[in-house]
């Protein structure tokens, strides 16, 4: 799996959830079409009269998530850039997504503004496999963020974490180790370690 393939999954799903926050810090989510995916960039659009547009202008970030029929989930979190040459991009979006002509016929299409996400974090989570599989990527200039849990040198080797792990993704060793691509990030090992040897990655 690659970041590009993950973005293509979102394009194939097409109608995915976009989340933003308003000026009061209240969360908002809505279904938006993924209009284009090229290389490691995702494109979408929205009308200038919508709250979604105003929220993107006030805080140009969003998080997108979608799940396909194979129970593969992709989450993209990143910076949003409004594109220059608005009419060129909107015309291209309409060529690639002809059903948009029924929603915004004729010149009404130019009430829409095109946006691109080219920098951020991508997470792939496959619930259709056993054990589950997950992988993280960074796109653009973003740095990859480590998630989940790790076992530190404070581990005493008691094996409790291994016994209670729902996906059995903890291996014996000195210290024990979490196989991160199969980890649910549930925190059961973290809560039950008798010597607090387990910590969240990146903290």
C-alpha atoms as a PDB file:
ATOM      1  CA  UNK A   1       0.000   0.000   0.000  1.00  0.00           C
ATOM      2  CA  UNK A   2       1.179   3.548  -0.778  1.00  0.00           C
ATOM      3  CA  UNK A   3      -0.118   7.014   0.050  1.00  0.00           C
ATOM      4  CA  UNK A   4      -1.180   7.413  -3.592  1.00  0.00           C
ATOM      5  CA  UNK A   5      -3.176   4.169  -3.455  1.00  0.00           C
ATOM      6  CA  UNK A   6      -4.856   5.315  -0.249  1.00  0.00           C
ATOM      7  CA  UNK A   7      -5.966   8.569  -1.876  1.00  0.00           C
ATOM      8  CA  UNK A   8      -7.272   6.583  -4.835  1.00  0.00           C
ATOM      9  CA  UNK A   9      -9.439   4.556  -2.439  1.00  0.00           C
ATOM     10  CA  UNK A  10     -11.023   7.834  -1.300  1.00  0.00           C
ATOM     11  CA  UNK A  11     -11.564   8.820  -4.937  1.00  0.00           C
ATOM     12  CA  UNK A  12     -13.159   5.442  -5.683  1.00  0.00           C
ATOM     13  CA  UNK A  13     -15.485   5.788  -2.683  1.00  0.00           C
ATOM     14  CA  UNK A  14     -16.046   9.396  -3.826  1.00  0.00           C
ATOM     15  CA  UNK A  15     -18.610  10.460  -1.202  1.00  0.00           C
ATOM     16  CA  UNK A  16     -16.567  10.719   2.002  1.00  0.00           C
ATOM     17  CA  UNK A  17     -16.829  12.575   5.301  1.00  0.00           C
ATOM     18  CA  UNK A  18     -14.996  15.900   5.643  1.00  0.00           C
ATOM     19  CA  UNK A  19     -14.559  17.409   9.114  1.00  0.00           C
ATOM     20  CA  UNK A  20     -13.829  21.018  10.088  1.00  0.00           C
ATOM     21  CA  UNK A  21     -14.278  23.273  13.102  1.00  0.00           C
ATOM     22  CA  UNK A  22     -16.055  26.619  13.170  1.00  0.00           C
ATOM     23  CA  UNK A  23     -14.969  29.897  14.725  1.00  0.00           C
ATOM     24  CA  UNK A  24     -16.348  28.735  18.108  1.00  0.00           C
ATOM     25  CA  UNK A  25     -14.376  25.502  17.985  1.00  0.00           C
ATOM     26  CA  UNK A  26     -17.482  23.394  17.308  1.00  0.00           C
ATOM     27  CA  UNK A  27     -16.973  20.332  15.082  1.00  0.00           C
ATOM     28  CA  UNK A  28     -18.760  19.921  11.753  1.00  0.00           C
ATOM     29  CA  UNK A  29     -18.825  16.965   9.367  1.00  0.00           C
ATOM     30  CA  UNK A  30     -20.435  16.538   5.960  1.00  0.00           C
ATOM     31  CA  UNK A  31     -20.314  14.292   2.901  1.00  0.00           C
ATOM     32  CA  UNK A  32     -18.263  15.791   0.060  1.00  0.00           C
ATOM     33  CA  UNK A  33     -17.212  14.340  -3.295  1.00  0.00           C
ATOM     34  CA  UNK A  34     -13.534  13.652  -3.934  1.00  0.00           C
ATOM     35  CA  UNK A  35     -13.255  15.191  -7.404  1.00  0.00           C
ATOM     36  CA  UNK A  36      -9.707  14.334  -8.477  1.00  0.00           C
ATOM     37  CA  UNK A  37      -6.665  12.473  -7.208  1.00  0.00           C
ATOM     38  CA  UNK A  38      -3.308  13.011  -8.873  1.00  0.00           C
ATOM     39  CA  UNK A  39       0.013  11.727  -7.576  1.00  0.00           C
ATOM     40  CA  UNK A  40      -0.253  12.453  -3.845  1.00  0.00           C
ATOM     41  CA  UNK A  41      -2.798  15.267  -4.099  1.00  0.00           C
ATOM     42  CA  UNK A  42      -6.555  15.242  -3.493  1.00  0.00           C
ATOM     43  CA  UNK A  43      -8.940  17.815  -5.003  1.00  0.00           C
ATOM     44  CA  UNK A  44     -12.453  18.864  -4.026  1.00  0.00           C
ATOM     45  CA  UNK A  45     -14.681  21.915  -4.295  1.00  0.00           C
ATOM     46  CA  UNK A  46     -17.447  23.713  -2.455  1.00  0.00           C
ATOM     47  CA  UNK A  47     -19.665  26.741  -2.960  1.00  0.00           C
ATOM     48  CA  UNK A  48     -18.730  30.107  -1.502  1.00  0.00           C
ATOM     49  CA  UNK A  49     -22.068  30.421   0.297  1.00  0.00           C
ATOM     50  CA  UNK A  50     -21.599  27.263   2.368  1.00  0.00           C
ATOM     51  CA  UNK A  51     -20.459  27.120   5.974  1.00  0.00           C
ATOM     52  CA  UNK A  52     -17.895  24.542   4.851  1.00  0.00           C
ATOM     53  CA  UNK A  53     -16.251  27.188   2.634  1.00  0.00           C
ATOM     54  CA  UNK A  54     -16.170  29.743   5.451  1.00  0.00           C
ATOM     55  CA  UNK A  55     -14.668  27.241   7.871  1.00  0.00           C
ATOM     56  CA  UNK A  56     -11.940  26.308   5.373  1.00  0.00           C
ATOM     57  CA  UNK A  57     -11.139  29.968   4.864  1.00  0.00           C
ATOM     58  CA  UNK A  58     -10.934  30.606   8.620  1.00  0.00           C
ATOM     59  CA  UNK A  59      -8.893  27.488   9.378  1.00  0.00           C
ATOM     60  CA  UNK A  60      -7.519  25.818   6.232  1.00  0.00           C
ATOM     61  CA  UNK A  61      -7.393  22.269   7.557  1.00  0.00           C
ATOM     62  CA  UNK A  62      -9.682  19.274   7.235  1.00  0.00           C
ATOM     63  CA  UNK A  63      -9.813  15.578   8.039  1.00  0.00           C
ATOM     64  CA  UNK A  64     -11.363  13.172   5.550  1.00  0.00           C
ATOM     65  CA  UNK A  65     -12.391   9.584   6.115  1.00  0.00           C
ATOM     66  CA  UNK A  66     -14.109   6.895   4.086  1.00  0.00           C
ATOM     67  CA  UNK A  67     -14.554   3.114   4.100  1.00  0.00           C
ATOM     68  CA  UNK A  68     -15.055   0.886   1.063  1.00  0.00           C
ATOM     69  CA  UNK A  69     -16.975  -2.374   0.701  1.00  0.00           C
ATOM     70  CA  UNK A  70     -13.872  -4.373   1.631  1.00  0.00           C
ATOM     71  CA  UNK A  71     -13.801  -2.655   5.058  1.00  0.00           C
ATOM     72  CA  UNK A  72     -10.687  -0.691   4.146  1.00  0.00           C
ATOM     73  CA  UNK A  73     -10.693   2.689   5.843  1.00  0.00           C
ATOM     74  CA  UNK A  74      -8.581   5.651   4.773  1.00  0.00           C
ATOM     75  CA  UNK A  75      -8.152   8.823   6.793  1.00  0.00           C
ATOM     76  CA  UNK A  76      -6.463  11.944   5.420  1.00  0.00           C
ATOM     77  CA  UNK A  77      -5.688  14.910   7.652  1.00  0.00           C
ATOM     78  CA  UNK A  78      -3.981  17.937   6.218  1.00  0.00           C
ATOM     79  CA  UNK A  79      -3.687  21.518   5.127  1.00  0.00           C
ATOM     80  CA  UNK A  80      -6.155  22.824   2.552  1.00  0.00           C
ATOM     81  CA  UNK A  81      -5.102  25.162  -0.251  1.00  0.00           C
ATOM     82  CA  UNK A  82      -7.577  27.133  -2.347  1.00  0.00           C
ATOM     83  CA  UNK A  83      -6.430  26.945  -5.958  1.00  0.00           C
ATOM     84  CA  UNK A  84      -5.725  29.903  -8.203  1.00  0.00           C
ATOM     85  CA  UNK A  85      -7.208  29.943 -11.726  1.00  0.00           C
ATOM     86  CA  UNK A  86     -10.591  28.987 -10.327  1.00  0.00           C
ATOM     87  CA  UNK A  87     -12.468  28.611 -13.629  1.00  0.00           C
ATOM     88  CA  UNK A  88      -9.807  26.335 -15.133  1.00  0.00           C
ATOM     89  CA  UNK A  89      -9.966  23.968 -12.164  1.00  0.00           C
ATOM     90  CA  UNK A  90     -13.760  24.000 -11.913  1.00  0.00           C
ATOM     91  CA  UNK A  91     -14.050  23.254 -15.642  1.00  0.00           C
ATOM     92  CA  UNK A  92     -11.660  20.351 -15.247  1.00  0.00           C
ATOM     93  CA  UNK A  93     -13.533  19.021 -12.215  1.00  0.00           C
ATOM     94  CA  UNK A  94     -16.769  19.097 -14.213  1.00  0.00           C
ATOM     95  CA  UNK A  95     -15.141  17.229 -17.121  1.00  0.00           C
ATOM     96  CA  UNK A  96     -13.959  14.509 -14.731  1.00  0.00           C
ATOM     97  CA  UNK A  97     -17.282  14.451 -12.836  1.00  0.00           C
ATOM     98  CA  UNK A  98     -20.030  15.061 -15.427  1.00  0.00           C
ATOM     99  CA  UNK A  99     -22.852  14.519 -12.921  1.00  0.00           C
ATOM    100  CA  UNK A 100     -21.904  17.916 -11.479  1.00  0.00           C
ATOM    101  CA  UNK A 101     -23.537  19.525 -14.524  1.00  0.00           C
ATOM    102  CA  UNK A 102     -26.939  18.465 -13.183  1.00  0.00           C
ATOM    103  CA  UNK A 103     -26.262  20.056  -9.802  1.00  0.00           C
ATOM    104  CA  UNK A 104     -24.706  23.305 -11.069  1.00  0.00           C
ATOM    105  CA  UNK A 105     -25.838  23.790 -14.692  1.00  0.00           C
ATOM    106  CA  UNK A 106     -24.218  26.327 -16.992  1.00  0.00           C
ATOM    107  CA  UNK A 107     -22.398  29.291 -15.502  1.00  0.00           C
ATOM    108  CA  UNK A 108     -23.677  28.524 -11.996  1.00  0.00           C
ATOM    109  CA  UNK A 109     -20.682  26.207 -11.598  1.00  0.00           C
ATOM    110  CA  UNK A 110     -18.471  29.210 -10.931  1.00  0.00           C
ATOM    111  CA  UNK A 111     -19.976  29.704  -7.493  1.00  0.00           C
ATOM    112  CA  UNK A 112     -17.702  26.777  -6.607  1.00  0.00           C
ATOM    113  CA  UNK A 113     -14.116  27.143  -5.423  1.00  0.00           C
ATOM    114  CA  UNK A 114     -11.499  24.418  -5.973  1.00  0.00           C
ATOM    115  CA  UNK A 115      -9.301  23.171  -3.139  1.00  0.00           C
ATOM    116  CA  UNK A 116      -6.349  20.814  -2.869  1.00  0.00           C
ATOM    117  CA  UNK A 117      -4.728  18.840  -0.072  1.00  0.00           C
ATOM    118  CA  UNK A 118      -1.076  18.207  -0.873  1.00  0.00           C
ATOM    119  CA  UNK A 119       0.446  18.033   2.601  1.00  0.00           C
ATOM    120  CA  UNK A 120      -0.685  15.946   5.535  1.00  0.00           C
ATOM    121  CA  UNK A 121      -1.068  12.545   7.151  1.00  0.00           C
ATOM    122  CA  UNK A 122      -2.652   9.443   5.616  1.00  0.00           C
ATOM    123  CA  UNK A 123      -3.733   6.375   7.555  1.00  0.00           C
ATOM    124  CA  UNK A 124      -4.830   3.057   6.044  1.00  0.00           C
ATOM    125  CA  UNK A 125      -6.792   0.652   8.253  1.00  0.00           C
ATOM    126  CA  UNK A 126      -7.917  -2.744   6.877  1.00  0.00           C
ATOM    127  CA  UNK A 127     -10.610  -4.373   9.016  1.00  0.00           C
ATOM    128  CA  UNK A 128     -11.241  -7.009   6.329  1.00  0.00           C
ATOM    129  CA  UNK A 129      -8.095  -8.936   7.306  1.00  0.00           C
ATOM    130  CA  UNK A 130      -7.277 -11.032  10.332  1.00  0.00           C
ATOM    131  CA  UNK A 131      -5.275  -9.790  12.051  1.00  0.00           C
ATOM    132  CA  UNK A 132      -6.199  -6.257  11.103  1.00  0.00           C
ATOM    133  CA  UNK A 133      -3.643  -4.279   9.111  1.00  0.00           C
ATOM    134  CA  UNK A 134      -2.785  -0.611   9.326  1.00  0.00           C
ATOM    135  CA  UNK A 135      -0.158   1.666   7.861  1.00  0.00           C
ATOM    136  CA  UNK A 136       0.597   5.398   8.019  1.00  0.00           C
ATOM    137  CA  UNK A 137       2.108   7.767   5.480  1.00  0.00           C
ATOM    138  CA  UNK A 138       2.981  11.427   5.096  1.00  0.00           C
ATOM    139  CA  UNK A 139       2.337  13.384   1.910  1.00  0.00           C
ATOM    140  CA  UNK A 140       4.016  16.534   0.683  1.00  0.00           C
ATOM    141  CA  UNK A 141       6.322  18.186   3.186  1.00  0.00           C
ATOM    142  CA  UNK A 142       4.560  16.746   6.234  1.00  0.00           C
ATOM    143  CA  UNK A 143       6.467  14.532   8.648  1.00  0.00           C
ATOM    144  CA  UNK A 144       5.118  11.053   9.324  1.00  0.00           C
ATOM    145  CA  UNK A 145       3.405  10.865  12.721  1.00  0.00           C
ATOM    146  CA  UNK A 146       3.892   7.753  14.819  1.00  0.00           C
ATOM    147  CA  UNK A 147       0.730   6.427  16.478  1.00  0.00           C
ATOM    148  CA  UNK A 148      -0.196   3.527  18.679  1.00  0.00           C
ATOM    149  CA  UNK A 149       1.836   2.121  21.577  1.00  0.00           C
ATOM    150  CA  UNK A 150       5.370   0.950  22.280  1.00  0.00           C
ATOM    151  CA  UNK A 151       6.929  -1.004  25.111  1.00  0.00           C
ATOM    152  CA  UNK A 152       9.887   0.609  26.854  1.00  0.00           C
ATOM    153  CA  UNK A 153      12.941  -0.852  28.558  1.00  0.00           C
ATOM    154  CA  UNK A 154      10.997  -0.728  31.831  1.00  0.00           C
ATOM    155  CA  UNK A 155       9.289  -3.961  30.676  1.00  0.00           C
ATOM    156  CA  UNK A 156       9.715  -6.821  33.202  1.00  0.00           C
ATOM    157  CA  UNK A 157       8.697  -9.546  30.758  1.00  0.00           C
ATOM    158  CA  UNK A 158       5.597 -10.663  32.655  1.00  0.00           C
ATOM    159  CA  UNK A 159       3.669 -11.251  29.422  1.00  0.00           C
ATOM    160  CA  UNK A 160       0.370  -9.786  30.593  1.00  0.00           C
ATOM    161  CA  UNK A 161       0.183  -7.439  27.581  1.00  0.00           C
ATOM    162  CA  UNK A 162       0.685 -10.340  25.180  1.00  0.00           C
ATOM    163  CA  UNK A 163      -2.017 -12.437  26.846  1.00  0.00           C
ATOM    164  CA  UNK A 164      -4.711  -9.742  26.744  1.00  0.00           C
ATOM    165  CA  UNK A 165      -3.993  -8.197  23.310  1.00  0.00           C
ATOM    166  CA  UNK A 166      -7.152  -8.572  21.157  1.00  0.00           C
ATOM    167  CA  UNK A 167      -5.108  -8.982  17.944  1.00  0.00           C
ATOM    168  CA  UNK A 168      -2.248 -10.952  19.522  1.00  0.00           C
ATOM    169  CA  UNK A 169       0.231  -8.488  18.043  1.00  0.00           C
ATOM    170  CA  UNK A 170       2.688  -8.377  20.951  1.00  0.00           C
ATOM    171  CA  UNK A 171       5.834 -10.492  20.695  1.00  0.00           C
ATOM    172  CA  UNK A 172       8.082 -11.732  23.469  1.00  0.00           C
ATOM    173  CA  UNK A 173      11.485 -10.122  23.803  1.00  0.00           C
ATOM    174  CA  UNK A 174      13.594  -7.852  25.966  1.00  0.00           C
ATOM    175  CA  UNK A 175      11.537  -5.752  26.061  1.00  0.00           C
ATOM    176  CA  UNK A 176       8.329  -7.209  24.571  1.00  0.00           C
ATOM    177  CA  UNK A 177       7.399  -5.492  21.282  1.00  0.00           C
ATOM    178  CA  UNK A 178       4.184  -4.345  19.599  1.00  0.00           C
ATOM    179  CA  UNK A 179       3.828  -5.292  15.935  1.00  0.00           C
ATOM    180  CA  UNK A 180       2.515  -1.892  14.923  1.00  0.00           C
ATOM    181  CA  UNK A 181       0.892  -2.876  11.609  1.00  0.00           C
ATOM    182  CA  UNK A 182      -1.548  -5.174  13.441  1.00  0.00           C
ATOM    183  CA  UNK A 183      -2.214  -2.956  16.474  1.00  0.00           C
ATOM    184  CA  UNK A 184      -5.754  -1.680  17.095  1.00  0.00           C
ATOM    185  CA  UNK A 185      -4.472   1.266  19.190  1.00  0.00           C
ATOM    186  CA  UNK A 186      -7.073   0.224  21.771  1.00  0.00           C
ATOM    187  CA  UNK A 187      -4.830   0.847  24.785  1.00  0.00           C
ATOM    188  CA  UNK A 188      -5.671  -2.381  26.641  1.00  0.00           C
ATOM    189  CA  UNK A 189      -1.983  -3.200  27.111  1.00  0.00           C
ATOM    190  CA  UNK A 190      -1.280   0.367  28.211  1.00  0.00           C
ATOM    191  CA  UNK A 191      -3.979   0.263  30.891  1.00  0.00           C
ATOM    192  CA  UNK A 192      -2.969  -3.135  32.240  1.00  0.00           C
ATOM    193  CA  UNK A 193       0.830  -3.033  32.325  1.00  0.00           C
ATOM    194  CA  UNK A 194       1.746  -3.528  36.007  1.00  0.00           C
ATOM    195  CA  UNK A 195       4.909  -1.407  35.750  1.00  0.00           C
ATOM    196  CA  UNK A 196       3.649   1.272  33.299  1.00  0.00           C
ATOM    197  CA  UNK A 197       6.231   0.201  30.707  1.00  0.00           C
ATOM    198  CA  UNK A 198       3.931   0.948  27.773  1.00  0.00           C
ATOM    199  CA  UNK A 199       3.603   4.432  26.303  1.00  0.00           C
ATOM    200  CA  UNK A 200       1.986   6.123  23.335  1.00  0.00           C
ATOM    201  CA  UNK A 201       4.268   6.582  20.361  1.00  0.00           C
ATOM    202  CA  UNK A 202       5.401  10.146  19.822  1.00  0.00           C
ATOM    203  CA  UNK A 203       4.835  11.173  23.438  1.00  0.00           C
END
